Amino acid sequence: MPETKRRSSYLILAAILFFAFVNPYMENLEFSQPVPYMFAHYSLFISGTLIGYSFFRLKNRLTTITIVLSVFWHLPYPFSLAASFWSYRIVEEASFLISGIILGGAVTSISWRVKGILLALWVFADNLLSLIFILAPDYYSKQNVAISPYNSLQFPFLGLAMILLMNSLVGVIVYLYTKRMVSSIRRIEKRPS
C-alpha cells in the first residue's frame, strides 16, 4: 500500500475513533457511566498513536511521558476528577491523545524488544486495573472518592468489558505482527541466492 494511502487510512480511522467518544452525547454519558469513560481512554490513545505514527518521528525517550500520564490518569483521585468535571476531562483527554501521538511518533525508533516490554506492561497494568474494578470497586467509587460520579456496582462490568477489549486488541496486535513477520520471511525466501 502506498505511503500516502496508508497515512490517509490511518487518519480516517483516527478521526472515527476520536469522534466516536469526543462528542456531546458520549461526553455527557461519561459523567454517569464508567464504560464509555474508560473506552474513551483507549479510543483517544489509539487515535493519537495512528496520528503520531503517520506524521511524526520522535525520540523513544519521550515514551516515558506516555507512561507517566497514563498511570496518573488511572489513579483513583485523578480518574474521578476527570470523570466529574469538564475542566479536568479536557486535560485528561488531551493527555491521552498527546500520549498516543508521542508513542506513535516514537514507535519506529523503539526496538522490538522494548515494544514487547511496553505491550506487556500495558497488558499487565490494564488487567490489574480490571481486577481492581472487579474485586475492589470501592477504590474508584463514591464510597472511597467523594467526587466520583460512579457507584461501586458499576465497576465490575467495566472490569469485564476492559478484559474483553484488551484481549481483542492484543489479538489484533499479535495478528498484525505475525502477518508482517510472515510477509518478511516470504520476501527473504523469494530473493535470488
N, C-alpha and C. Protein backbone atom coordinates (compact mmCIF):
# COMPACT_ATOMS: atom_id res chain seq x y z
N MET A 1 0.85 -1.18 0.00
CA MET A 1 0.00 0.00 0.00
C MET A 1 0.90 1.25 0.00
N PRO A 2 0.67 2.19 -0.93
CA PRO A 2 1.49 3.41 -0.96
C PRO A 2 1.37 4.19 0.35
N GLU A 3 2.46 4.88 0.69
CA GLU A 3 2.54 5.61 1.97
C GLU A 3 1.42 6.63 2.13
N THR A 4 1.08 7.37 1.08
CA THR A 4 0.02 8.39 1.19
C THR A 4 -1.33 7.75 1.48
N LYS A 5 -1.60 6.63 0.84
CA LYS A 5 -2.86 5.94 1.07
C LYS A 5 -2.92 5.38 2.49
N ARG A 6 -1.80 4.84 2.96
CA ARG A 6 -1.73 4.30 4.31
C ARG A 6 -1.97 5.41 5.34
N ARG A 7 -1.30 6.56 5.14
CA ARG A 7 -1.50 7.69 6.05
C ARG A 7 -2.95 8.16 6.06
N SER A 8 -3.55 8.21 4.88
CA SER A 8 -4.95 8.64 4.79
C SER A 8 -5.87 7.68 5.54
N SER A 9 -5.63 6.37 5.36
CA SER A 9 -6.49 5.40 6.05
C SER A 9 -6.29 5.46 7.56
N TYR A 10 -5.05 5.67 8.01
CA TYR A 10 -4.79 5.81 9.45
C TYR A 10 -5.47 7.07 10.00
N LEU A 11 -5.41 8.15 9.23
CA LEU A 11 -6.03 9.40 9.68
C LEU A 11 -7.55 9.27 9.74
N ILE A 12 -8.14 8.59 8.79
CA ILE A 12 -9.60 8.37 8.80
C ILE A 12 -10.00 7.52 10.01
N LEU A 13 -9.25 6.44 10.26
CA LEU A 13 -9.52 5.60 11.43
C LEU A 13 -9.35 6.40 12.73
N ALA A 14 -8.30 7.22 12.80
CA ALA A 14 -8.08 8.05 13.99
C ALA A 14 -9.25 9.01 14.21
N ALA A 15 -9.74 9.61 13.14
CA ALA A 15 -10.88 10.54 13.26
C ALA A 15 -12.14 9.81 13.72
N ILE A 16 -12.37 8.62 13.18
CA ILE A 16 -13.56 7.84 13.59
C ILE A 16 -13.47 7.50 15.07
N LEU A 17 -12.32 7.00 15.50
CA LEU A 17 -12.15 6.66 16.92
C LEU A 17 -12.29 7.89 17.81
N PHE A 18 -11.71 8.99 17.38
CA PHE A 18 -11.77 10.23 18.16
C PHE A 18 -13.21 10.70 18.33
N PHE A 19 -13.91 10.85 17.21
CA PHE A 19 -15.26 11.40 17.27
C PHE A 19 -16.30 10.42 17.81
N ALA A 20 -15.95 9.14 17.86
CA ALA A 20 -16.86 8.16 18.48
C ALA A 20 -17.04 8.45 19.97
N PHE A 21 -16.01 9.02 20.60
CA PHE A 21 -16.09 9.29 22.04
C PHE A 21 -16.02 10.76 22.40
N VAL A 22 -15.49 11.59 21.52
CA VAL A 22 -15.44 13.02 21.81
C VAL A 22 -16.57 13.68 21.02
N ASN A 23 -17.76 13.60 21.61
CA ASN A 23 -18.95 14.22 21.05
C ASN A 23 -19.89 14.48 22.23
N PRO A 24 -20.82 15.39 22.09
CA PRO A 24 -21.68 15.77 23.24
C PRO A 24 -22.42 14.60 23.89
N TYR A 25 -22.94 13.68 23.09
CA TYR A 25 -23.69 12.56 23.66
C TYR A 25 -22.80 11.69 24.55
N MET A 26 -21.66 11.26 24.01
CA MET A 26 -20.77 10.37 24.76
C MET A 26 -20.15 11.09 25.97
N GLU A 27 -19.77 12.34 25.77
CA GLU A 27 -19.16 13.09 26.88
C GLU A 27 -20.14 13.18 28.06
N ASN A 28 -21.40 13.45 27.78
CA ASN A 28 -22.40 13.52 28.86
C ASN A 28 -22.64 12.16 29.48
N LEU A 29 -22.64 11.12 28.67
CA LEU A 29 -22.82 9.77 29.17
C LEU A 29 -21.68 9.37 30.10
N GLU A 30 -20.48 9.84 29.80
CA GLU A 30 -19.31 9.50 30.61
C GLU A 30 -19.39 10.06 32.03
N PHE A 31 -20.24 11.06 32.27
CA PHE A 31 -20.40 11.59 33.62
C PHE A 31 -21.21 10.65 34.51
N SER A 32 -21.88 9.67 33.91
CA SER A 32 -22.67 8.74 34.72
C SER A 32 -22.34 7.27 34.47
N GLN A 33 -21.60 6.96 33.41
CA GLN A 33 -21.29 5.58 33.04
C GLN A 33 -19.78 5.40 32.88
N PRO A 34 -19.17 4.50 33.65
CA PRO A 34 -17.71 4.34 33.54
C PRO A 34 -17.23 3.60 32.28
N VAL A 35 -18.08 2.80 31.64
CA VAL A 35 -17.62 2.05 30.45
C VAL A 35 -17.26 3.00 29.31
N PRO A 36 -18.16 3.91 28.89
CA PRO A 36 -17.73 4.82 27.82
C PRO A 36 -16.58 5.73 28.24
N TYR A 37 -16.54 6.07 29.53
CA TYR A 37 -15.44 6.91 30.03
C TYR A 37 -14.10 6.20 29.85
N MET A 38 -14.04 4.94 30.24
CA MET A 38 -12.80 4.19 30.12
C MET A 38 -12.48 3.86 28.66
N PHE A 39 -13.50 3.52 27.88
CA PHE A 39 -13.25 3.21 26.48
C PHE A 39 -12.79 4.45 25.70
N ALA A 40 -13.16 5.63 26.18
CA ALA A 40 -12.65 6.87 25.56
C ALA A 40 -11.13 6.94 25.71
N HIS A 41 -10.60 6.42 26.83
CA HIS A 41 -9.14 6.40 27.01
C HIS A 41 -8.48 5.60 25.89
N TYR A 42 -9.01 4.40 25.65
CA TYR A 42 -8.46 3.56 24.58
C TYR A 42 -8.57 4.28 23.23
N SER A 43 -9.75 4.81 22.98
CA SER A 43 -10.03 5.45 21.70
C SER A 43 -9.10 6.63 21.42
N LEU A 44 -8.93 7.49 22.41
CA LEU A 44 -8.08 8.67 22.24
C LEU A 44 -6.61 8.26 22.10
N PHE A 45 -6.18 7.30 22.89
CA PHE A 45 -4.79 6.86 22.83
C PHE A 45 -4.49 6.22 21.47
N ILE A 46 -5.38 5.37 21.00
CA ILE A 46 -5.17 4.72 19.70
C ILE A 46 -5.23 5.76 18.58
N SER A 47 -6.15 6.71 18.66
CA SER A 47 -6.22 7.79 17.66
C SER A 47 -4.89 8.54 17.60
N GLY A 48 -4.39 8.90 18.77
CA GLY A 48 -3.12 9.61 18.83
C GLY A 48 -1.98 8.78 18.27
N THR A 49 -1.99 7.48 18.58
CA THR A 49 -0.93 6.60 18.08
C THR A 49 -0.93 6.56 16.55
N LEU A 50 -2.10 6.46 15.96
CA LEU A 50 -2.20 6.44 14.49
C LEU A 50 -1.72 7.77 13.89
N ILE A 51 -2.08 8.87 14.52
CA ILE A 51 -1.64 10.19 14.04
C ILE A 51 -0.12 10.31 14.18
N GLY A 52 0.39 9.96 15.36
CA GLY A 52 1.84 10.06 15.60
C GLY A 52 2.64 9.19 14.65
N TYR A 53 2.18 7.96 14.43
CA TYR A 53 2.87 7.04 13.54
C TYR A 53 2.88 7.57 12.10
N SER A 54 1.79 8.20 11.70
CA SER A 54 1.66 8.67 10.32
C SER A 54 2.42 9.95 10.02
N PHE A 55 2.56 10.83 11.02
CA PHE A 55 3.05 12.17 10.72
C PHE A 55 4.29 12.62 11.49
N PHE A 56 4.74 11.87 12.48
CA PHE A 56 5.86 12.34 13.31
C PHE A 56 6.93 11.27 13.46
N ARG A 57 8.14 11.69 13.69
CA ARG A 57 9.24 10.81 14.06
C ARG A 57 9.88 11.43 15.30
N LEU A 58 9.68 10.76 16.43
CA LEU A 58 10.12 11.29 17.71
C LEU A 58 11.13 10.36 18.36
N LYS A 59 11.84 10.88 19.35
CA LYS A 59 12.82 10.09 20.08
C LYS A 59 12.11 9.14 21.05
N ASN A 60 12.65 7.94 21.19
CA ASN A 60 12.00 6.94 22.04
C ASN A 60 11.98 7.32 23.51
N ARG A 61 12.86 8.22 23.96
CA ARG A 61 12.86 8.66 25.36
C ARG A 61 11.54 9.29 25.76
N LEU A 62 10.85 9.87 24.79
CA LEU A 62 9.60 10.56 25.08
C LEU A 62 8.49 9.62 25.52
N THR A 63 8.66 8.32 25.29
CA THR A 63 7.61 7.38 25.70
C THR A 63 7.42 7.37 27.22
N THR A 64 8.41 7.82 27.96
CA THR A 64 8.27 7.92 29.42
C THR A 64 7.10 8.84 29.77
N ILE A 65 6.92 9.90 29.00
CA ILE A 65 5.80 10.82 29.23
C ILE A 65 4.48 10.08 29.11
N THR A 66 4.39 9.20 28.12
CA THR A 66 3.15 8.44 27.90
C THR A 66 2.84 7.56 29.10
N ILE A 67 3.85 6.91 29.61
CA ILE A 67 3.66 6.01 30.76
C ILE A 67 3.22 6.80 31.98
N VAL A 68 3.90 7.91 32.25
CA VAL A 68 3.57 8.73 33.43
C VAL A 68 2.14 9.26 33.34
N LEU A 69 1.77 9.81 32.19
CA LEU A 69 0.42 10.35 32.04
C LEU A 69 -0.65 9.26 32.15
N SER A 70 -0.39 8.12 31.55
CA SER A 70 -1.37 7.03 31.60
C SER A 70 -1.57 6.52 33.02
N VAL A 71 -0.48 6.35 33.75
CA VAL A 71 -0.60 5.89 35.14
C VAL A 71 -1.32 6.96 35.97
N PHE A 72 -0.92 8.22 35.82
CA PHE A 72 -1.53 9.30 36.60
C PHE A 72 -3.05 9.33 36.46
N TRP A 73 -3.55 9.31 35.22
CA TRP A 73 -4.99 9.43 35.00
C TRP A 73 -5.78 8.19 35.40
N HIS A 74 -5.09 7.11 35.76
CA HIS A 74 -5.79 5.92 36.22
C HIS A 74 -5.69 5.72 37.73
N LEU A 75 -5.09 6.66 38.43
CA LEU A 75 -5.13 6.65 39.89
C LEU A 75 -6.53 7.10 40.32
N PRO A 76 -7.03 6.62 41.45
CA PRO A 76 -8.43 6.89 41.82
C PRO A 76 -8.83 8.37 41.82
N TYR A 77 -8.03 9.24 42.41
CA TYR A 77 -8.46 10.64 42.52
C TYR A 77 -8.44 11.37 41.17
N PRO A 78 -7.34 11.33 40.39
CA PRO A 78 -7.38 11.96 39.06
C PRO A 78 -8.45 11.35 38.15
N PHE A 79 -8.62 10.03 38.23
CA PHE A 79 -9.64 9.33 37.46
C PHE A 79 -11.02 9.94 37.77
N SER A 80 -11.31 10.13 39.05
CA SER A 80 -12.60 10.67 39.46
C SER A 80 -12.75 12.15 39.12
N LEU A 81 -11.66 12.91 39.22
CA LEU A 81 -11.72 14.33 38.84
C LEU A 81 -12.13 14.49 37.38
N ALA A 82 -11.48 13.74 36.50
CA ALA A 82 -11.78 13.84 35.07
C ALA A 82 -13.16 13.27 34.75
N ALA A 83 -13.61 12.31 35.54
CA ALA A 83 -14.94 11.74 35.33
C ALA A 83 -16.03 12.71 35.79
N SER A 84 -15.68 13.64 36.66
CA SER A 84 -16.67 14.51 37.29
C SER A 84 -16.71 15.95 36.76
N PHE A 85 -15.60 16.46 36.28
CA PHE A 85 -15.52 17.88 35.92
C PHE A 85 -14.98 18.08 34.51
N TRP A 86 -15.64 18.96 33.74
CA TRP A 86 -15.24 19.24 32.36
C TRP A 86 -13.79 19.69 32.26
N SER A 87 -13.38 20.59 33.14
CA SER A 87 -12.02 21.16 33.03
C SER A 87 -10.97 20.05 33.12
N TYR A 88 -11.16 19.12 34.03
CA TYR A 88 -10.21 18.01 34.15
C TYR A 88 -10.37 17.02 32.99
N ARG A 89 -11.58 16.85 32.54
CA ARG A 89 -11.83 15.92 31.41
C ARG A 89 -11.08 16.39 30.17
N ILE A 90 -11.12 17.69 29.91
CA ILE A 90 -10.43 18.22 28.72
C ILE A 90 -8.93 17.96 28.81
N VAL A 91 -8.36 18.20 29.98
CA VAL A 91 -6.92 17.97 30.17
C VAL A 91 -6.60 16.48 30.05
N GLU A 92 -7.45 15.65 30.65
CA GLU A 92 -7.25 14.20 30.60
C GLU A 92 -7.32 13.69 29.17
N GLU A 93 -8.33 14.10 28.42
CA GLU A 93 -8.47 13.63 27.04
C GLU A 93 -7.32 14.12 26.17
N ALA A 94 -6.91 15.36 26.38
CA ALA A 94 -5.75 15.87 25.64
C ALA A 94 -4.50 15.06 25.99
N SER A 95 -4.38 14.68 27.26
CA SER A 95 -3.23 13.88 27.70
C SER A 95 -3.17 12.53 26.99
N PHE A 96 -4.33 11.87 26.87
CA PHE A 96 -4.34 10.57 26.20
C PHE A 96 -4.06 10.71 24.71
N LEU A 97 -4.61 11.73 24.08
CA LEU A 97 -4.36 11.95 22.66
C LEU A 97 -2.88 12.26 22.43
N ILE A 98 -2.32 13.16 23.22
CA ILE A 98 -0.90 13.54 23.09
C ILE A 98 0.00 12.35 23.41
N SER A 99 -0.36 11.58 24.43
CA SER A 99 0.42 10.37 24.76
C SER A 99 0.46 9.41 23.58
N GLY A 100 -0.69 9.23 22.95
CA GLY A 100 -0.74 8.37 21.77
C GLY A 100 0.11 8.91 20.64
N ILE A 101 0.05 10.22 20.42
CA ILE A 101 0.86 10.84 19.36
C ILE A 101 2.34 10.61 19.65
N ILE A 102 2.74 10.78 20.91
CA ILE A 102 4.14 10.56 21.28
C ILE A 102 4.55 9.11 21.01
N LEU A 103 3.74 8.17 21.47
CA LEU A 103 4.08 6.76 21.26
C LEU A 103 4.11 6.43 19.77
N GLY A 104 3.10 6.88 19.03
CA GLY A 104 3.06 6.61 17.59
C GLY A 104 4.26 7.21 16.86
N GLY A 105 4.64 8.41 17.27
CA GLY A 105 5.79 9.07 16.63
C GLY A 105 7.11 8.42 17.00
N ALA A 106 7.17 7.79 18.17
CA ALA A 106 8.41 7.19 18.63
C ALA A 106 8.53 5.72 18.28
N VAL A 107 7.44 5.10 17.88
CA VAL A 107 7.42 3.64 17.71
C VAL A 107 8.45 3.14 16.70
N THR A 108 8.76 3.92 15.68
CA THR A 108 9.75 3.45 14.69
C THR A 108 11.17 3.49 15.24
N SER A 109 11.39 4.26 16.31
CA SER A 109 12.74 4.31 16.88
C SER A 109 12.89 3.39 18.09
N ILE A 110 11.86 2.61 18.38
CA ILE A 110 11.89 1.69 19.52
C ILE A 110 12.20 0.29 19.02
N SER A 111 13.11 -0.39 19.71
CA SER A 111 13.46 -1.77 19.31
C SER A 111 12.28 -2.70 19.55
N TRP A 112 12.31 -3.84 18.86
CA TRP A 112 11.23 -4.82 19.01
C TRP A 112 11.15 -5.32 20.45
N ARG A 113 12.30 -5.45 21.10
CA ARG A 113 12.32 -5.90 22.50
C ARG A 113 11.58 -4.91 23.40
N VAL A 114 11.86 -3.62 23.22
CA VAL A 114 11.21 -2.59 24.04
C VAL A 114 9.72 -2.51 23.70
N LYS A 115 9.38 -2.66 22.43
CA LYS A 115 7.96 -2.68 22.04
C LYS A 115 7.24 -3.82 22.78
N GLY A 116 7.88 -4.97 22.83
CA GLY A 116 7.31 -6.12 23.53
C GLY A 116 7.15 -5.84 25.02
N ILE A 117 8.15 -5.21 25.60
CA ILE A 117 8.08 -4.86 27.03
C ILE A 117 6.96 -3.86 27.28
N LEU A 118 6.85 -2.85 26.42
CA LEU A 118 5.78 -1.85 26.58
C LEU A 118 4.40 -2.49 26.45
N LEU A 119 4.25 -3.40 25.48
CA LEU A 119 2.98 -4.11 25.30
C LEU A 119 2.67 -4.95 26.55
N ALA A 120 3.68 -5.66 27.05
CA ALA A 120 3.48 -6.49 28.24
C ALA A 120 3.10 -5.63 29.46
N LEU A 121 3.76 -4.49 29.62
CA LEU A 121 3.43 -3.59 30.73
C LEU A 121 2.00 -3.07 30.61
N TRP A 122 1.62 -2.72 29.39
CA TRP A 122 0.25 -2.22 29.16
C TRP A 122 -0.78 -3.30 29.50
N VAL A 123 -0.54 -4.52 29.02
CA VAL A 123 -1.46 -5.62 29.30
C VAL A 123 -1.52 -5.88 30.80
N PHE A 124 -0.36 -5.92 31.45
CA PHE A 124 -0.32 -6.15 32.89
C PHE A 124 -1.08 -5.06 33.65
N ALA A 125 -0.78 -3.79 33.35
CA ALA A 125 -1.42 -2.68 34.06
C ALA A 125 -2.92 -2.66 33.80
N ASP A 126 -3.32 -2.90 32.57
CA ASP A 126 -4.74 -2.88 32.24
C ASP A 126 -5.49 -4.02 32.93
N ASN A 127 -4.89 -5.19 32.95
CA ASN A 127 -5.52 -6.32 33.63
C ASN A 127 -5.56 -6.11 35.14
N LEU A 128 -4.52 -5.51 35.70
CA LEU A 128 -4.51 -5.20 37.12
C LEU A 128 -5.64 -4.22 37.46
N LEU A 129 -5.78 -3.17 36.65
CA LEU A 129 -6.86 -2.21 36.86
C LEU A 129 -8.22 -2.89 36.71
N SER A 130 -8.35 -3.77 35.73
CA SER A 130 -9.60 -4.51 35.55
C SER A 130 -9.94 -5.34 36.79
N LEU A 131 -8.93 -6.00 37.33
CA LEU A 131 -9.15 -6.81 38.53
C LEU A 131 -9.54 -5.95 39.73
N ILE A 132 -8.93 -4.77 39.84
CA ILE A 132 -9.31 -3.85 40.92
C ILE A 132 -10.77 -3.44 40.74
N PHE A 133 -11.16 -3.13 39.51
CA PHE A 133 -12.55 -2.75 39.25
C PHE A 133 -13.52 -3.89 39.61
N ILE A 134 -13.10 -5.12 39.37
CA ILE A 134 -13.97 -6.27 39.64
C ILE A 134 -13.97 -6.64 41.13
N LEU A 135 -12.79 -6.73 41.72
CA LEU A 135 -12.67 -7.26 43.08
C LEU A 135 -12.74 -6.20 44.19
N ALA A 136 -12.33 -4.98 43.88
CA ALA A 136 -12.32 -3.92 44.90
C ALA A 136 -12.83 -2.60 44.31
N PRO A 137 -14.06 -2.59 43.82
CA PRO A 137 -14.57 -1.41 43.11
C PRO A 137 -14.69 -0.15 43.97
N ASP A 138 -14.70 -0.32 45.29
CA ASP A 138 -14.83 0.85 46.16
C ASP A 138 -13.68 1.84 46.01
N TYR A 139 -12.49 1.37 45.60
CA TYR A 139 -11.35 2.28 45.45
C TYR A 139 -11.64 3.43 44.48
N TYR A 140 -12.48 3.19 43.49
CA TYR A 140 -12.76 4.19 42.47
C TYR A 140 -14.17 4.78 42.57
N SER A 141 -14.97 4.30 43.49
CA SER A 141 -16.37 4.72 43.55
C SER A 141 -16.61 5.81 44.59
N LYS A 142 -17.85 6.28 44.63
CA LYS A 142 -18.27 7.31 45.59
C LYS A 142 -17.96 6.91 47.03
N GLN A 143 -17.95 5.62 47.30
CA GLN A 143 -17.71 5.13 48.64
C GLN A 143 -16.31 5.50 49.15
N ASN A 144 -15.35 5.64 48.24
CA ASN A 144 -13.98 5.94 48.64
C ASN A 144 -13.52 7.32 48.17
N VAL A 145 -13.96 7.73 46.99
CA VAL A 145 -13.57 9.03 46.44
C VAL A 145 -14.86 9.84 46.30
N ALA A 146 -15.04 10.79 47.19
CA ALA A 146 -16.32 11.53 47.29
C ALA A 146 -16.74 12.18 45.97
N ILE A 147 -15.78 12.61 45.16
CA ILE A 147 -16.14 13.31 43.91
C ILE A 147 -16.47 12.36 42.76
N SER A 148 -16.26 11.07 42.96
CA SER A 148 -16.53 10.11 41.88
C SER A 148 -18.02 10.11 41.51
N PRO A 149 -18.33 10.14 40.21
CA PRO A 149 -19.74 10.10 39.81
C PRO A 149 -20.29 8.67 39.75
N TYR A 150 -19.44 7.68 40.00
CA TYR A 150 -19.83 6.28 39.82
C TYR A 150 -20.00 5.57 41.16
N ASN A 151 -20.91 4.60 41.18
CA ASN A 151 -21.03 3.78 42.39
C ASN A 151 -20.30 2.46 42.17
N SER A 152 -20.05 1.75 43.24
CA SER A 152 -19.22 0.54 43.17
C SER A 152 -19.85 -0.58 42.33
N LEU A 153 -21.15 -0.59 42.17
CA LEU A 153 -21.80 -1.63 41.37
C LEU A 153 -21.53 -1.50 39.88
N GLN A 154 -21.08 -0.32 39.43
CA GLN A 154 -20.81 -0.11 38.00
C GLN A 154 -19.45 -0.65 37.57
N PHE A 155 -18.54 -0.83 38.52
CA PHE A 155 -17.17 -1.17 38.15
C PHE A 155 -16.91 -2.62 37.76
N PRO A 156 -17.56 -3.61 38.37
CA PRO A 156 -17.28 -4.99 37.92
C PRO A 156 -17.57 -5.21 36.43
N PHE A 157 -18.66 -4.65 35.92
CA PHE A 157 -18.96 -4.78 34.49
C PHE A 157 -17.88 -4.09 33.67
N LEU A 158 -17.43 -2.92 34.14
CA LEU A 158 -16.35 -2.21 33.45
C LEU A 158 -15.09 -3.07 33.39
N GLY A 159 -14.75 -3.70 34.50
CA GLY A 159 -13.56 -4.56 34.53
C GLY A 159 -13.65 -5.70 33.52
N LEU A 160 -14.81 -6.33 33.44
CA LEU A 160 -15.00 -7.41 32.46
C LEU A 160 -14.92 -6.88 31.03
N ALA A 161 -15.54 -5.74 30.79
CA ALA A 161 -15.50 -5.14 29.44
C ALA A 161 -14.07 -4.80 29.05
N MET A 162 -13.29 -4.31 30.00
CA MET A 162 -11.88 -3.97 29.71
C MET A 162 -11.08 -5.23 29.37
N ILE A 163 -11.32 -6.31 30.10
CA ILE A 163 -10.59 -7.56 29.82
C ILE A 163 -10.92 -8.04 28.40
N LEU A 164 -12.20 -7.98 28.03
CA LEU A 164 -12.59 -8.39 26.68
C LEU A 164 -11.95 -7.50 25.62
N LEU A 165 -12.00 -6.19 25.84
CA LEU A 165 -11.41 -5.27 24.87
C LEU A 165 -9.90 -5.45 24.79
N MET A 166 -9.24 -5.57 25.94
CA MET A 166 -7.79 -5.73 25.95
C MET A 166 -7.37 -6.99 25.21
N ASN A 167 -8.05 -8.10 25.47
CA ASN A 167 -7.71 -9.34 24.77
C ASN A 167 -7.94 -9.21 23.27
N SER A 168 -8.98 -8.51 22.88
CA SER A 168 -9.24 -8.28 21.45
C SER A 168 -8.12 -7.45 20.83
N LEU A 169 -7.72 -6.38 21.51
CA LEU A 169 -6.65 -5.52 20.98
C LEU A 169 -5.33 -6.27 20.90
N VAL A 170 -5.01 -7.04 21.92
CA VAL A 170 -3.77 -7.82 21.89
C VAL A 170 -3.83 -8.84 20.75
N GLY A 171 -4.99 -9.46 20.55
CA GLY A 171 -5.15 -10.40 19.44
C GLY A 171 -4.89 -9.73 18.09
N VAL A 172 -5.41 -8.54 17.91
CA VAL A 172 -5.18 -7.80 16.66
C VAL A 172 -3.70 -7.46 16.51
N ILE A 173 -3.07 -7.01 17.58
CA ILE A 173 -1.64 -6.66 17.53
C ILE A 173 -0.80 -7.89 17.18
N VAL A 174 -1.07 -9.01 17.82
CA VAL A 174 -0.33 -10.25 17.54
C VAL A 174 -0.56 -10.69 16.10
N TYR A 175 -1.80 -10.60 15.63
CA TYR A 175 -2.12 -10.96 14.24
C TYR A 175 -1.33 -10.09 13.26
N LEU A 176 -1.36 -8.77 13.48
CA LEU A 176 -0.65 -7.85 12.57
C LEU A 176 0.85 -8.10 12.60
N TYR A 177 1.40 -8.34 13.77
CA TYR A 177 2.83 -8.61 13.90
C TYR A 177 3.18 -9.91 13.17
N THR A 178 2.39 -10.96 13.39
CA THR A 178 2.64 -12.25 12.75
C THR A 178 2.53 -12.13 11.23
N LYS A 179 1.52 -11.43 10.77
CA LYS A 179 1.33 -11.22 9.33
C LYS A 179 2.54 -10.50 8.73
N ARG A 180 3.03 -9.49 9.44
CA ARG A 180 4.20 -8.74 8.96
C ARG A 180 5.44 -9.62 8.96
N MET A 181 5.60 -10.44 9.98
CA MET A 181 6.75 -11.32 10.07
C MET A 181 6.73 -12.36 8.95
N VAL A 182 5.57 -12.96 8.71
CA VAL A 182 5.43 -13.96 7.64
C VAL A 182 5.72 -13.32 6.29
N SER A 183 5.23 -12.11 6.09
CA SER A 183 5.48 -11.39 4.85
C SER A 183 6.97 -11.13 4.65
N SER A 184 7.67 -10.77 5.72
CA SER A 184 9.12 -10.54 5.64
C SER A 184 9.87 -11.82 5.29
N ILE A 185 9.45 -12.92 5.91
CA ILE A 185 10.09 -14.21 5.64
C ILE A 185 9.88 -14.61 4.18
N ARG A 186 8.69 -14.41 3.67
CA ARG A 186 8.41 -14.76 2.26
C ARG A 186 9.24 -13.92 1.31
N ARG A 187 9.42 -12.63 1.62
CA ARG A 187 10.25 -11.76 0.77
C ARG A 187 11.69 -12.26 0.75
N ILE A 188 12.18 -12.68 1.92
CA ILE A 188 13.55 -13.18 2.02
C ILE A 188 13.69 -14.48 1.23
N GLU A 189 12.72 -15.35 1.32
CA GLU A 189 12.76 -16.63 0.60
C GLU A 189 12.70 -16.46 -0.90
N LYS A 190 12.05 -15.40 -1.38
CA LYS A 190 11.91 -15.17 -2.81
C LYS A 190 13.14 -14.54 -3.44
N ARG A 191 14.03 -13.97 -2.61
CA ARG A 191 15.23 -13.35 -3.15
C ARG A 191 16.13 -14.40 -3.81
N PRO A 192 16.72 -14.02 -4.94
CA PRO A 192 17.64 -14.97 -5.59
C PRO A 192 18.91 -15.12 -4.74
N SER A 193 19.42 -16.30 -4.70
CA SER A 193 20.60 -16.60 -3.88
C SER A 193 21.86 -16.04 -4.46
